[in-house]
Amino acid sequence: MPLSPELKEILACPKCKGPLEFHEEAGQIHCTACRLVYRIDDGIPVMLVDEARPLT
């Protein structure tokens, strides 16, 4: 299930408050500034810093 354009517009990295890159086909949201990857579970972004993993 794709994320709505409205949601993409308001989402920001919870750590640095910066912009995000959406990789919906991989079920991921990337913050290149923090080098973190947030997951998308069943169309719901999990925007918790403790749940993020490093961007490799």
Protein backbone atom coordinates (compact mmCIF):
# COMPACT_ATOMS: atom_id res chain seq x y z
CA MET A 1 0.00 0.00 0.00
CA PRO A 2 1.62 3.27 -1.10
CA LEU A 3 1.98 6.18 1.29
CA SER A 4 -0.29 9.11 0.59
CA PRO A 5 1.29 12.24 -0.91
CA GLU A 6 -0.08 14.25 2.04
CA LEU A 7 1.72 12.00 4.54
CA LYS A 8 4.98 12.18 2.59
CA GLU A 9 4.72 15.96 2.60
CA ILE A 10 4.50 16.24 6.41
CA LEU A 11 6.87 13.44 7.48
CA ALA A 12 10.33 14.43 8.67
CA CYS A 13 13.15 12.57 10.37
CA PRO A 14 12.32 12.36 14.08
CA LYS A 15 16.00 12.72 14.99
CA CYS A 16 17.15 15.70 12.89
CA LYS A 17 13.78 16.96 11.58
CA GLY A 18 15.26 16.84 8.07
CA PRO A 19 13.83 15.63 4.75
CA LEU A 20 13.37 11.96 3.93
CA GLU A 21 13.76 9.74 0.88
CA PHE A 22 10.91 7.28 0.33
CA HIS A 23 11.75 3.81 -1.00
CA GLU A 24 8.30 2.25 -0.81
CA GLU A 25 9.16 -0.69 -3.06
CA ALA A 26 11.72 -1.75 -0.42
CA GLY A 27 9.47 -0.80 2.51
CA GLN A 28 11.94 1.82 3.71
CA ILE A 29 12.31 5.51 4.43
CA HIS A 30 15.86 6.93 4.44
CA CYS A 31 17.30 9.93 6.22
CA THR A 32 20.60 10.61 4.47
CA ALA A 33 21.60 13.28 7.01
CA CYS A 34 21.38 10.88 9.98
CA ARG A 35 22.22 7.81 7.87
CA LEU A 36 19.16 5.98 9.26
CA VAL A 37 16.58 3.68 7.67
CA TYR A 38 13.03 3.60 8.98
CA ARG A 39 10.79 0.71 7.97
CA ILE A 40 7.28 0.74 6.55
CA ASP A 41 5.06 -2.01 8.03
CA ASP A 42 1.82 -2.71 6.16
CA GLY A 43 1.77 0.82 4.75
CA ILE A 44 2.51 2.45 8.14
CA PRO A 45 5.83 4.27 8.62
CA VAL A 46 7.60 3.28 11.85
CA MET A 47 9.28 6.59 12.64
CA LEU A 48 10.98 5.64 15.92
CA VAL A 49 14.69 6.40 16.27
CA ASP A 50 15.13 3.33 18.50
CA GLU A 51 13.62 1.13 15.76
CA ALA A 52 15.71 2.61 12.92
CA ARG A 53 18.77 0.86 11.55
CA PRO A 54 21.93 2.33 10.05
CA LEU A 55 21.93 3.16 6.35
CA THR A 56 24.60 1.11 4.63
